[in-house]
PDB file of all heavy atoms in Angstrom:
ATOM      1  N   TRP A   1      37.433 -24.143 -49.902  1.00  0.00           N
ATOM      2  CA  TRP A   1      38.674 -24.100 -50.668  1.00  0.00           C
ATOM      3  C   TRP A   1      39.851 -24.622 -49.853  1.00  0.00           C
ATOM      4  O   TRP A   1      39.839 -24.642 -48.621  1.00  0.00           O
ATOM      5  CB  TRP A   1      38.997 -22.663 -51.074  1.00  0.00           C
ATOM      6  CG  TRP A   1      38.150 -22.116 -52.171  1.00  0.00           C
ATOM      7  CD1 TRP A   1      37.057 -22.691 -52.744  1.00  0.00           C
ATOM      8  CD2 TRP A   1      38.326 -20.852 -52.821  1.00  0.00           C
ATOM      9  NE1 TRP A   1      36.540 -21.876 -53.709  1.00  0.00           N
ATOM     10  CE2 TRP A   1      37.288 -20.742 -53.784  1.00  0.00           C
ATOM     11  CE3 TRP A   1      39.245 -19.817 -52.677  1.00  0.00           C
ATOM     12  CZ2 TRP A   1      37.164 -19.616 -54.603  1.00  0.00           C
ATOM     13  CZ3 TRP A   1      39.118 -18.696 -53.497  1.00  0.00           C
ATOM     14  CH2 TRP A   1      38.091 -18.597 -54.448  1.00  0.00           C
ATOM     15  N   CYS A   2      40.918 -24.988 -50.573  1.00  0.00           N
ATOM     16  CA  CYS A   2      42.220 -25.252 -49.967  1.00  0.00           C
ATOM     17  C   CYS A   2      43.276 -24.713 -50.926  1.00  0.00           C
ATOM     18  O   CYS A   2      42.973 -24.404 -52.093  1.00  0.00           O
ATOM     19  CB  CYS A   2      42.429 -26.747 -49.700  1.00  0.00           C
ATOM     20  SG  CYS A   2      42.270 -27.820 -51.148  1.00  0.00           S
ATOM     21  N   PHE A   3      44.516 -24.561 -50.454  1.00  0.00           N
ATOM     22  CA  PHE A   3      45.500 -23.821 -51.241  1.00  0.00           C
ATOM     23  C   PHE A   3      46.838 -24.541 -51.420  1.00  0.00           C
ATOM     24  O   PHE A   3      47.820 -23.936 -51.827  1.00  0.00           O
ATOM     25  CB  PHE A   3      45.734 -22.433 -50.613  1.00  0.00           C
ATOM     26  CG  PHE A   3      44.522 -21.547 -50.718  1.00  0.00           C
ATOM     27  CD1 PHE A   3      43.550 -21.562 -49.729  1.00  0.00           C
ATOM     28  CD2 PHE A   3      44.329 -20.732 -51.812  1.00  0.00           C
ATOM     29  CE1 PHE A   3      42.426 -20.775 -49.822  1.00  0.00           C
ATOM     30  CE2 PHE A   3      43.202 -19.936 -51.925  1.00  0.00           C
ATOM     31  CZ  PHE A   3      42.240 -19.955 -50.920  1.00  0.00           C
ATOM     32  N   SER A   4      46.879 -25.829 -51.108  1.00  0.00           N
ATOM     33  CA  SER A   4      48.080 -26.612 -51.367  1.00  0.00           C
ATOM     34  C   SER A   4      47.835 -27.459 -52.611  1.00  0.00           C
ATOM     35  O   SER A   4      46.774 -28.078 -52.736  1.00  0.00           O
ATOM     36  CB  SER A   4      48.407 -27.525 -50.168  1.00  0.00           C
ATOM     37  OG  SER A   4      48.612 -26.758 -49.005  1.00  0.00           O
ATOM     38  N   LYS A   5      48.792 -27.506 -53.507  1.00  0.00           N
ATOM     39  CA  LYS A   5      48.611 -28.257 -54.743  1.00  0.00           C
ATOM     40  C   LYS A   5      48.302 -29.712 -54.426  1.00  0.00           C
ATOM     41  O   LYS A   5      49.001 -30.369 -53.664  1.00  0.00           O
ATOM     42  CB  LYS A   5      49.878 -28.164 -55.609  1.00  0.00           C
ATOM     43  CG  LYS A   5      49.700 -28.780 -56.991  1.00  0.00           C
ATOM     44  CD  LYS A   5      50.915 -28.543 -57.870  1.00  0.00           C
ATOM     45  CE  LYS A   5      50.695 -29.138 -59.254  1.00  0.00           C
ATOM     46  NZ  LYS A   5      51.877 -28.897 -60.137  1.00  0.00           N
ATOM     47  N   GLY A   6      47.217 -30.216 -55.007  1.00  0.00           N
ATOM     48  CA  GLY A   6      46.817 -31.589 -54.777  1.00  0.00           C
ATOM     49  C   GLY A   6      45.943 -31.794 -53.559  1.00  0.00           C
ATOM     50  O   GLY A   6      45.589 -32.925 -53.239  1.00  0.00           O
ATOM     51  N   CYS A   7      45.560 -30.715 -52.873  1.00  0.00           N
ATOM     52  CA  CYS A   7      44.757 -30.847 -51.650  1.00  0.00           C
ATOM     53  C   CYS A   7      43.290 -31.123 -51.953  1.00  0.00           C
ATOM     54  O   CYS A   7      42.527 -31.469 -51.052  1.00  0.00           O
ATOM     55  CB  CYS A   7      44.878 -29.594 -50.782  1.00  0.00           C
ATOM     56  SG  CYS A   7      44.199 -28.095 -51.546  1.00  0.00           S
ATOM     57  N   GLY A   8      42.896 -30.954 -53.208  1.00  0.00           N
ATOM     58  CA  GLY A   8      41.495 -31.145 -53.547  1.00  0.00           C
ATOM     59  C   GLY A   8      41.284 -31.266 -55.042  1.00  0.00           C
ATOM     60  O   GLY A   8      42.139 -31.775 -55.770  1.00  0.00           O
ATOM     61  N   LEU A   9      40.150 -30.769 -55.496  1.00  0.00           N
ATOM     62  CA  LEU A   9      39.763 -30.828 -56.900  1.00  0.00           C
ATOM     63  C   LEU A   9      39.909 -29.452 -57.529  1.00  0.00           C
ATOM     64  O   LEU A   9      39.510 -28.444 -56.938  1.00  0.00           O
ATOM     65  CB  LEU A   9      38.313 -31.298 -57.027  1.00  0.00           C
ATOM     66  CG  LEU A   9      37.996 -32.647 -56.373  1.00  0.00           C
ATOM     67  CD1 LEU A   9      36.487 -32.859 -56.335  1.00  0.00           C
ATOM     68  CD2 LEU A   9      38.671 -33.779 -57.131  1.00  0.00           C
ATOM     69  N   VAL A  10      40.482 -29.407 -58.717  1.00  0.00           N
ATOM     70  CA  VAL A  10      40.655 -28.139 -59.419  1.00  0.00           C
ATOM     71  C   VAL A  10      39.320 -27.744 -60.050  1.00  0.00           C
ATOM     72  O   VAL A  10      38.744 -28.519 -60.819  1.00  0.00           O
ATOM     73  CB  VAL A  10      41.735 -28.245 -60.504  1.00  0.00           C
ATOM     74  CG1 VAL A  10      41.850 -26.935 -61.265  1.00  0.00           C
ATOM     75  CG2 VAL A  10      43.081 -28.612 -59.876  1.00  0.00           C
ATOM     76  N   PRO A  11      38.801 -26.556 -59.725  1.00  0.00           N
ATOM     77  CA  PRO A  11      37.528 -26.133 -60.300  1.00  0.00           C
ATOM     78  C   PRO A  11      37.643 -25.956 -61.815  1.00  0.00           C
ATOM     79  O   PRO A  11      38.644 -25.445 -62.315  1.00  0.00           O
ATOM     80  CB  PRO A  11      37.256 -24.786 -59.617  1.00  0.00           C
ATOM     81  CG  PRO A  11      38.132 -24.765 -58.416  1.00  0.00           C
ATOM     82  CD  PRO A  11      39.335 -25.574 -58.770  1.00  0.00           C
ATOM     83  N   ARG A  12      36.620 -26.383 -62.517  1.00  0.00           N
ATOM     84  CA  ARG A  12      36.587 -26.140 -63.956  1.00  0.00           C
ATOM     85  C   ARG A  12      36.422 -24.646 -64.180  1.00  0.00           C
ATOM     86  O   ARG A  12      35.640 -23.975 -63.522  1.00  0.00           O
ATOM     87  CB  ARG A  12      35.426 -26.905 -64.602  1.00  0.00           C
ATOM     88  CG  ARG A  12      35.558 -28.417 -64.479  1.00  0.00           C
ATOM     89  CD  ARG A  12      34.516 -29.121 -65.344  1.00  0.00           C
ATOM     90  NE  ARG A  12      34.639 -30.571 -65.229  1.00  0.00           N
ATOM     91  CZ  ARG A  12      33.796 -31.342 -64.574  1.00  0.00           C
ATOM     92  NH1 ARG A  12      32.745 -30.802 -63.981  1.00  0.00           N
ATOM     93  NH2 ARG A  12      33.974 -32.650 -64.508  1.00  0.00           N
ATOM     94  N   GLY A  13      37.175 -24.111 -65.122  1.00  0.00           N
ATOM     95  CA  GLY A  13      37.081 -22.689 -65.402  1.00  0.00           C
ATOM     96  C   GLY A  13      37.775 -21.810 -64.378  1.00  0.00           C
ATOM     97  O   GLY A  13      37.484 -20.616 -64.284  1.00  0.00           O
ATOM     98  N   ARG A  14      38.691 -22.397 -63.619  1.00  0.00           N
ATOM     99  CA  ARG A  14      39.443 -21.600 -62.640  1.00  0.00           C
ATOM    100  C   ARG A  14      40.234 -20.519 -63.370  1.00  0.00           C
ATOM    101  O   ARG A  14      40.854 -20.767 -64.411  1.00  0.00           O
ATOM    102  CB  ARG A  14      40.393 -22.501 -61.834  1.00  0.00           C
ATOM    103  CG  ARG A  14      41.143 -21.793 -60.725  1.00  0.00           C
ATOM    104  CD  ARG A  14      42.017 -22.747 -59.927  1.00  0.00           C
ATOM    105  NE  ARG A  14      43.111 -23.312 -60.707  1.00  0.00           N
ATOM    106  CZ  ARG A  14      44.023 -24.155 -60.228  1.00  0.00           C
ATOM    107  NH1 ARG A  14      43.940 -24.560 -58.960  1.00  0.00           N
ATOM    108  NH2 ARG A  14      44.984 -24.623 -60.994  1.00  0.00           N
ATOM    109  N   ALA A  15      40.222 -19.313 -62.839  1.00  0.00           N
ATOM    110  CA  ALA A  15      40.892 -18.182 -63.491  1.00  0.00           C
ATOM    111  C   ALA A  15      42.384 -18.458 -63.638  1.00  0.00           C
ATOM    112  O   ALA A  15      43.008 -19.084 -62.770  1.00  0.00           O
ATOM    113  CB  ALA A  15      40.669 -16.908 -62.685  1.00  0.00           C
ATOM    114  N   GLU A  16      42.940 -17.992 -64.725  1.00  0.00           N
ATOM    115  CA  GLU A  16      44.372 -18.163 -64.964  1.00  0.00           C
ATOM    116  C   GLU A  16      45.164 -17.481 -63.854  1.00  0.00           C
ATOM    117  O   GLU A  16      44.891 -16.348 -63.473  1.00  0.00           O
ATOM    118  CB  GLU A  16      44.750 -17.567 -66.322  1.00  0.00           C
ATOM    119  CG  GLU A  16      46.204 -17.802 -66.704  1.00  0.00           C
ATOM    120  CD  GLU A  16      46.535 -17.266 -68.091  1.00  0.00           C
ATOM    121  OE1 GLU A  16      45.610 -16.823 -68.789  1.00  0.00           O
ATOM    122  OE2 GLU A  16      47.731 -17.281 -68.443  1.00  0.00           O
ATOM    123  N   GLY A  17      46.139 -18.191 -63.316  1.00  0.00           N
ATOM    124  CA  GLY A  17      46.957 -17.650 -62.233  1.00  0.00           C
ATOM    125  C   GLY A  17      46.433 -17.991 -60.850  1.00  0.00           C
ATOM    126  O   GLY A  17      47.161 -17.840 -59.862  1.00  0.00           O
ATOM    127  N   ALA A  18      45.184 -18.448 -60.760  1.00  0.00           N
ATOM    128  CA  ALA A  18      44.627 -18.828 -59.457  1.00  0.00           C
ATOM    129  C   ALA A  18      45.197 -20.178 -59.026  1.00  0.00           C
ATOM    130  O   ALA A  18      45.515 -21.025 -59.862  1.00  0.00           O
ATOM    131  CB  ALA A  18      43.108 -18.897 -59.531  1.00  0.00           C
ATOM    132  N   SER A  19      45.322 -20.379 -57.726  1.00  0.00           N
ATOM    133  CA  SER A  19      45.936 -21.619 -57.224  1.00  0.00           C
ATOM    134  C   SER A  19      45.019 -22.422 -56.319  1.00  0.00           C
ATOM    135  O   SER A  19      45.376 -23.517 -55.887  1.00  0.00           O
ATOM    136  CB  SER A  19      47.219 -21.286 -56.452  1.00  0.00           C
ATOM    137  OG  SER A  19      46.916 -20.472 -55.320  1.00  0.00           O
ATOM    138  N   HIS A  20      43.850 -21.906 -56.034  1.00  0.00           N
ATOM    139  CA  HIS A  20      42.972 -22.607 -55.091  1.00  0.00           C
ATOM    140  C   HIS A  20      42.398 -23.879 -55.713  1.00  0.00           C
ATOM    141  O   HIS A  20      42.285 -24.021 -56.932  1.00  0.00           O
ATOM    142  CB  HIS A  20      41.825 -21.692 -54.657  1.00  0.00           C
ATOM    143  CG  HIS A  20      40.839 -21.394 -55.750  1.00  0.00           C
ATOM    144  ND1 HIS A  20      41.016 -20.374 -56.657  1.00  0.00           N
ATOM    145  CD2 HIS A  20      39.682 -22.008 -56.088  1.00  0.00           C
ATOM    146  CE1 HIS A  20      40.003 -20.351 -57.504  1.00  0.00           C
ATOM    147  NE2 HIS A  20      39.174 -21.338 -57.183  1.00  0.00           N
ATOM    148  N   GLU A  21      42.067 -24.818 -54.832  1.00  0.00           N
ATOM    149  CA  GLU A  21      41.349 -26.028 -55.203  1.00  0.00           C
ATOM    150  C   GLU A  21      40.159 -26.154 -54.257  1.00  0.00           C
ATOM    151  O   GLU A  21      40.087 -25.455 -53.247  1.00  0.00           O
ATOM    152  CB  GLU A  21      42.266 -27.249 -55.112  1.00  0.00           C
ATOM    153  CG  GLU A  21      43.466 -27.174 -56.045  1.00  0.00           C
ATOM    154  CD  GLU A  21      44.394 -28.382 -55.961  1.00  0.00           C
ATOM    155  OE1 GLU A  21      43.992 -29.406 -55.337  1.00  0.00           O
ATOM    156  OE2 GLU A  21      45.505 -28.318 -56.516  1.00  0.00           O
ATOM    157  N   VAL A  22      39.226 -27.022 -54.596  1.00  0.00           N
ATOM    158  CA  VAL A  22      38.097 -27.267 -53.700  1.00  0.00           C
ATOM    159  C   VAL A  22      38.453 -28.486 -52.866  1.00  0.00           C
ATOM    160  O   VAL A  22      38.731 -29.560 -53.401  1.00  0.00           O
ATOM    161  CB  VAL A  22      36.793 -27.487 -54.488  1.00  0.00           C
ATOM    162  CG1 VAL A  22      35.645 -27.799 -53.526  1.00  0.00           C
ATOM    163  CG2 VAL A  22      36.461 -26.235 -55.305  1.00  0.00           C
ATOM    164  N   ALA A  23      38.480 -28.312 -51.557  1.00  0.00           N
ATOM    165  CA  ALA A  23      39.034 -29.295 -50.628  1.00  0.00           C
ATOM    166  C   ALA A  23      38.408 -30.673 -50.776  1.00  0.00           C
ATOM    167  O   ALA A  23      37.210 -30.819 -51.051  1.00  0.00           O
ATOM    168  CB  ALA A  23      38.868 -28.801 -49.193  1.00  0.00           C
ATOM    169  N   ASP A  24      39.250 -31.677 -50.590  1.00  0.00           N
ATOM    170  CA  ASP A  24      38.854 -33.080 -50.633  1.00  0.00           C
ATOM    171  C   ASP A  24      38.840 -33.605 -49.200  1.00  0.00           C
ATOM    172  O   ASP A  24      39.840 -33.485 -48.481  1.00  0.00           O
ATOM    173  CB  ASP A  24      39.874 -33.842 -51.495  1.00  0.00           C
ATOM    174  CG  ASP A  24      39.620 -35.335 -51.528  1.00  0.00           C
ATOM    175  OD1 ASP A  24      38.473 -35.750 -51.280  1.00  0.00           O
ATOM    176  OD2 ASP A  24      40.564 -36.088 -51.796  1.00  0.00           O
ATOM    177  N   PHE A  25      37.705 -34.161 -48.758  1.00  0.00           N
ATOM    178  CA  PHE A  25      37.573 -34.651 -47.390  1.00  0.00           C
ATOM    179  C   PHE A  25      37.448 -36.168 -47.366  1.00  0.00           C
ATOM    180  O   PHE A  25      36.923 -36.780 -48.303  1.00  0.00           O
ATOM    181  CB  PHE A  25      36.360 -34.017 -46.708  1.00  0.00           C
ATOM    182  CG  PHE A  25      36.495 -32.539 -46.491  1.00  0.00           C
ATOM    183  CD1 PHE A  25      35.848 -31.645 -47.331  1.00  0.00           C
ATOM    184  CD2 PHE A  25      37.279 -32.036 -45.476  1.00  0.00           C
ATOM    185  CE1 PHE A  25      35.971 -30.275 -47.144  1.00  0.00           C
ATOM    186  CE2 PHE A  25      37.424 -30.667 -45.284  1.00  0.00           C
ATOM    187  CZ  PHE A  25      36.765 -29.786 -46.124  1.00  0.00           C
ATOM    188  N   ALA A  26      37.903 -36.761 -46.279  1.00  0.00           N
ATOM    189  CA  ALA A  26      37.864 -38.213 -46.132  1.00  0.00           C
ATOM    190  C   ALA A  26      36.434 -38.727 -46.031  1.00  0.00           C
ATOM    191  O   ALA A  26      36.160 -39.876 -46.377  1.00  0.00           O
ATOM    192  CB  ALA A  26      38.665 -38.634 -44.902  1.00  0.00           C
ATOM    193  N   SER A  27      35.513 -37.886 -45.555  1.00  0.00           N
ATOM    194  CA  SER A  27      34.114 -38.291 -45.418  1.00  0.00           C
ATOM    195  C   SER A  27      33.259 -37.032 -45.303  1.00  0.00           C
ATOM    196  O   SER A  27      33.766 -35.951 -44.978  1.00  0.00           O
ATOM    197  CB  SER A  27      33.921 -39.159 -44.171  1.00  0.00           C
ATOM    198  OG  SER A  27      34.118 -38.383 -42.993  1.00  0.00           O
ATOM    199  N   PRO A  28      31.963 -37.141 -45.546  1.00  0.00           N
ATOM    200  CA  PRO A  28      31.079 -35.985 -45.352  1.00  0.00           C
ATOM    201  C   PRO A  28      31.113 -35.454 -43.924  1.00  0.00           C
ATOM    202  O   PRO A  28      30.978 -34.242 -43.710  1.00  0.00           O
ATOM    203  CB  PRO A  28      29.698 -36.545 -45.717  1.00  0.00           C
ATOM    204  CG  PRO A  28      29.976 -37.649 -46.670  1.00  0.00           C
ATOM    205  CD  PRO A  28      31.250 -38.276 -46.165  1.00  0.00           C
ATOM    206  N   TYR A  29      31.286 -36.356 -42.935  1.00  0.00           N
ATOM    207  CA  TYR A  29      31.384 -35.879 -41.551  1.00  0.00           C
ATOM    208  C   TYR A  29      32.535 -34.895 -41.393  1.00  0.00           C
ATOM    209  O   TYR A  29      32.404 -33.860 -40.729  1.00  0.00           O
ATOM    210  CB  TYR A  29      31.566 -37.046 -40.576  1.00  0.00           C
ATOM    211  CG  TYR A  29      31.914 -36.567 -39.181  1.00  0.00           C
ATOM    212  CD1 TYR A  29      30.935 -36.032 -38.352  1.00  0.00           C
ATOM    213  CD2 TYR A  29      33.241 -36.594 -38.721  1.00  0.00           C
ATOM    214  CE1 TYR A  29      31.264 -35.550 -37.090  1.00  0.00           C
ATOM    215  CE2 TYR A  29      33.564 -36.119 -37.462  1.00  0.00           C
ATOM    216  CZ  TYR A  29      32.578 -35.597 -36.652  1.00  0.00           C
ATOM    217  OH  TYR A  29      32.901 -35.095 -35.412  1.00  0.00           O
ATOM    218  N   ARG A  30      33.676 -35.204 -42.011  1.00  0.00           N
ATOM    219  CA  ARG A  30      34.827 -34.309 -41.920  1.00  0.00           C
ATOM    220  C   ARG A  30      34.523 -32.974 -42.580  1.00  0.00           C
ATOM    221  O   ARG A  30      34.991 -31.922 -42.135  1.00  0.00           O
ATOM    222  CB  ARG A  30      36.045 -34.957 -42.578  1.00  0.00           C
ATOM    223  CG  ARG A  30      36.521 -36.229 -41.883  1.00  0.00           C
ATOM    224  CD  ARG A  30      37.096 -35.945 -40.517  1.00  0.00           C
ATOM    225  NE  ARG A  30      37.569 -37.151 -39.847  1.00  0.00           N
ATOM    226  CZ  ARG A  30      38.082 -37.169 -38.628  1.00  0.00           C
ATOM    227  NH1 ARG A  30      38.184 -36.052 -37.943  1.00  0.00           N
ATOM    228  NH2 ARG A  30      38.485 -38.313 -38.098  1.00  0.00           N
ATOM    229  N   SER A  31      33.743 -33.009 -43.636  1.00  0.00           N
ATOM    230  CA  SER A  31      33.345 -31.768 -44.293  1.00  0.00           C
ATOM    231  C   SER A  31      32.471 -30.924 -43.369  1.00  0.00           C
ATOM    232  O   SER A  31      32.638 -29.701 -43.274  1.00  0.00           O
ATOM    233  CB  SER A  31      32.581 -32.092 -45.591  1.00  0.00           C
ATOM    234  OG  SER A  31      32.101 -30.926 -46.213  1.00  0.00           O
ATOM    235  N   VAL A  32      31.549 -31.572 -42.663  1.00  0.00           N
ATOM    236  CA  VAL A  32      30.686 -30.868 -41.707  1.00  0.00           C
ATOM    237  C   VAL A  32      31.519 -30.249 -40.598  1.00  0.00           C
ATOM    238  O   VAL A  32      31.353 -29.065 -40.246  1.00  0.00           O
ATOM    239  CB  VAL A  32      29.635 -31.829 -41.110  1.00  0.00           C
ATOM    240  CG1 VAL A  32      28.899 -31.177 -39.940  1.00  0.00           C
ATOM    241  CG2 VAL A  32      28.639 -32.264 -42.181  1.00  0.00           C
ATOM    242  N   ARG A  33      32.445 -31.034 -40.050  1.00  0.00           N
ATOM    243  CA  ARG A  33      33.266 -30.538 -38.951  1.00  0.00           C
ATOM    244  C   ARG A  33      34.141 -29.367 -39.416  1.00  0.00           C
ATOM    245  O   ARG A  33      34.310 -28.375 -38.699  1.00  0.00           O
ATOM    246  CB  ARG A  33      34.131 -31.692 -38.420  1.00  0.00           C
ATOM    247  CG  ARG A  33      35.031 -31.325 -37.249  1.00  0.00           C
ATOM    248  CD  ARG A  33      34.283 -31.196 -35.935  1.00  0.00           C
ATOM    249  NE  ARG A  33      35.069 -30.448 -34.969  1.00  0.00           N
ATOM    250  CZ  ARG A  33      35.109 -30.683 -33.665  1.00  0.00           C
ATOM    251  NH1 ARG A  33      34.387 -31.641 -33.144  1.00  0.00           N
ATOM    252  NH2 ARG A  33      35.849 -29.951 -32.869  1.00  0.00           N
ATOM    253  N   ALA A  34      34.680 -29.454 -40.628  1.00  0.00           N
ATOM    254  CA  ALA A  34      35.518 -28.382 -41.152  1.00  0.00           C
ATOM    255  C   ALA A  34      34.703 -27.122 -41.429  1.00  0.00           C
ATOM    256  O   ALA A  34      35.175 -26.001 -41.211  1.00  0.00           O
ATOM    257  CB  ALA A  34      36.218 -28.842 -42.426  1.00  0.00           C
ATOM    258  N   TYR A  35      33.487 -27.304 -41.898  1.00  0.00           N
ATOM    259  CA  TYR A  35      32.592 -26.161 -42.135  1.00  0.00           C
ATOM    260  C   TYR A  35      32.298 -25.426 -40.831  1.00  0.00           C
ATOM    261  O   TYR A  35      32.343 -24.187 -40.762  1.00  0.00           O
ATOM    262  CB  TYR A  35      31.309 -26.667 -42.788  1.00  0.00           C
ATOM    263  CG  TYR A  35      30.103 -25.772 -42.633  1.00  0.00           C
ATOM    264  CD1 TYR A  35      29.849 -24.737 -43.540  1.00  0.00           C
ATOM    265  CD2 TYR A  35      29.198 -25.952 -41.581  1.00  0.00           C
ATOM    266  CE1 TYR A  35      28.730 -23.929 -43.399  1.00  0.00           C
ATOM    267  CE2 TYR A  35      28.088 -25.147 -41.438  1.00  0.00           C
ATOM    268  CZ  TYR A  35      27.859 -24.138 -42.349  1.00  0.00           C
ATOM    269  OH  TYR A  35      26.759 -23.329 -42.206  1.00  0.00           O
ATOM    270  N   ILE A  36      31.990 -26.179 -39.773  1.00  0.00           N
ATOM    271  CA  ILE A  36      31.733 -25.560 -38.476  1.00  0.00           C
ATOM    272  C   ILE A  36      32.974 -24.812 -37.993  1.00  0.00           C
ATOM    273  O   ILE A  36      32.886 -23.682 -37.493  1.00  0.00           O
ATOM    274  CB  ILE A  36      31.294 -26.622 -37.448  1.00  0.00           C
ATOM    275  CG1 ILE A  36      29.944 -27.227 -37.848  1.00  0.00           C
ATOM    276  CG2 ILE A  36      31.212 -26.016 -36.040  1.00  0.00           C
ATOM    277  CD1 ILE A  36      29.505 -28.389 -36.970  1.00  0.00           C
ATOM    278  N   GLN A  37      34.129 -25.432 -38.158  1.00  0.00           N
ATOM    279  CA  GLN A  37      35.378 -24.772 -37.776  1.00  0.00           C
ATOM    280  C   GLN A  37      35.583 -23.483 -38.554  1.00  0.00           C
ATOM    281  O   GLN A  37      36.021 -22.458 -37.999  1.00  0.00           O
ATOM    282  CB  GLN A  37      36.558 -25.714 -38.017  1.00  0.00           C
ATOM    283  CG  GLN A  37      37.923 -25.078 -37.750  1.00  0.00           C
ATOM    284  CD  GLN A  37      39.052 -26.071 -37.884  1.00  0.00           C
ATOM    285  OE1 GLN A  37      39.310 -26.832 -36.966  1.00  0.00           O
ATOM    286  NE2 GLN A  37      39.719 -26.091 -39.038  1.00  0.00           N
ATOM    287  N   ASN A  38      35.268 -23.506 -39.822  1.00  0.00           N
ATOM    288  CA  ASN A  38      35.412 -22.324 -40.670  1.00  0.00           C
ATOM    289  C   ASN A  38      34.558 -21.168 -40.150  1.00  0.00           C
ATOM    290  O   ASN A  38      35.035 -20.039 -40.008  1.00  0.00           O
ATOM    291  CB  ASN A  38      35.010 -22.683 -42.105  1.00  0.00           C
ATOM    292  CG  ASN A  38      35.236 -21.549 -43.083  1.00  0.00           C
ATOM    293  OD1 ASN A  38      36.172 -20.784 -42.963  1.00  0.00           O
ATOM    294  ND2 ASN A  38      34.349 -21.450 -44.061  1.00  0.00           N
ATOM    295  N   LEU A  39      33.285 -21.449 -39.839  1.00  0.00           N
ATOM    296  CA  LEU A  39      32.409 -20.396 -39.318  1.00  0.00           C
ATOM    297  C   LEU A  39      32.859 -19.930 -37.933  1.00  0.00           C
ATOM    298  O   LEU A  39      32.631 -18.775 -37.565  1.00  0.00           O
ATOM    299  CB  LEU A  39      30.968 -20.895 -39.250  1.00  0.00           C
ATOM    300  CG  LEU A  39      30.277 -21.237 -40.568  1.00  0.00           C
ATOM    301  CD1 LEU A  39      28.789 -21.484 -40.329  1.00  0.00           C
ATOM    302  CD2 LEU A  39      30.468 -20.150 -41.616  1.00  0.00           C
TER     303      LEU A  39
END
């Protein structure tokens, strides 16, 4: 997830009042690196 407007993709069926988006990465490698950082 990410929490800045426009930082990613809005999930379909997102609960009313929720602000999270699913993060958009420049490449799959960046997604892997961010996942490792998250853990």
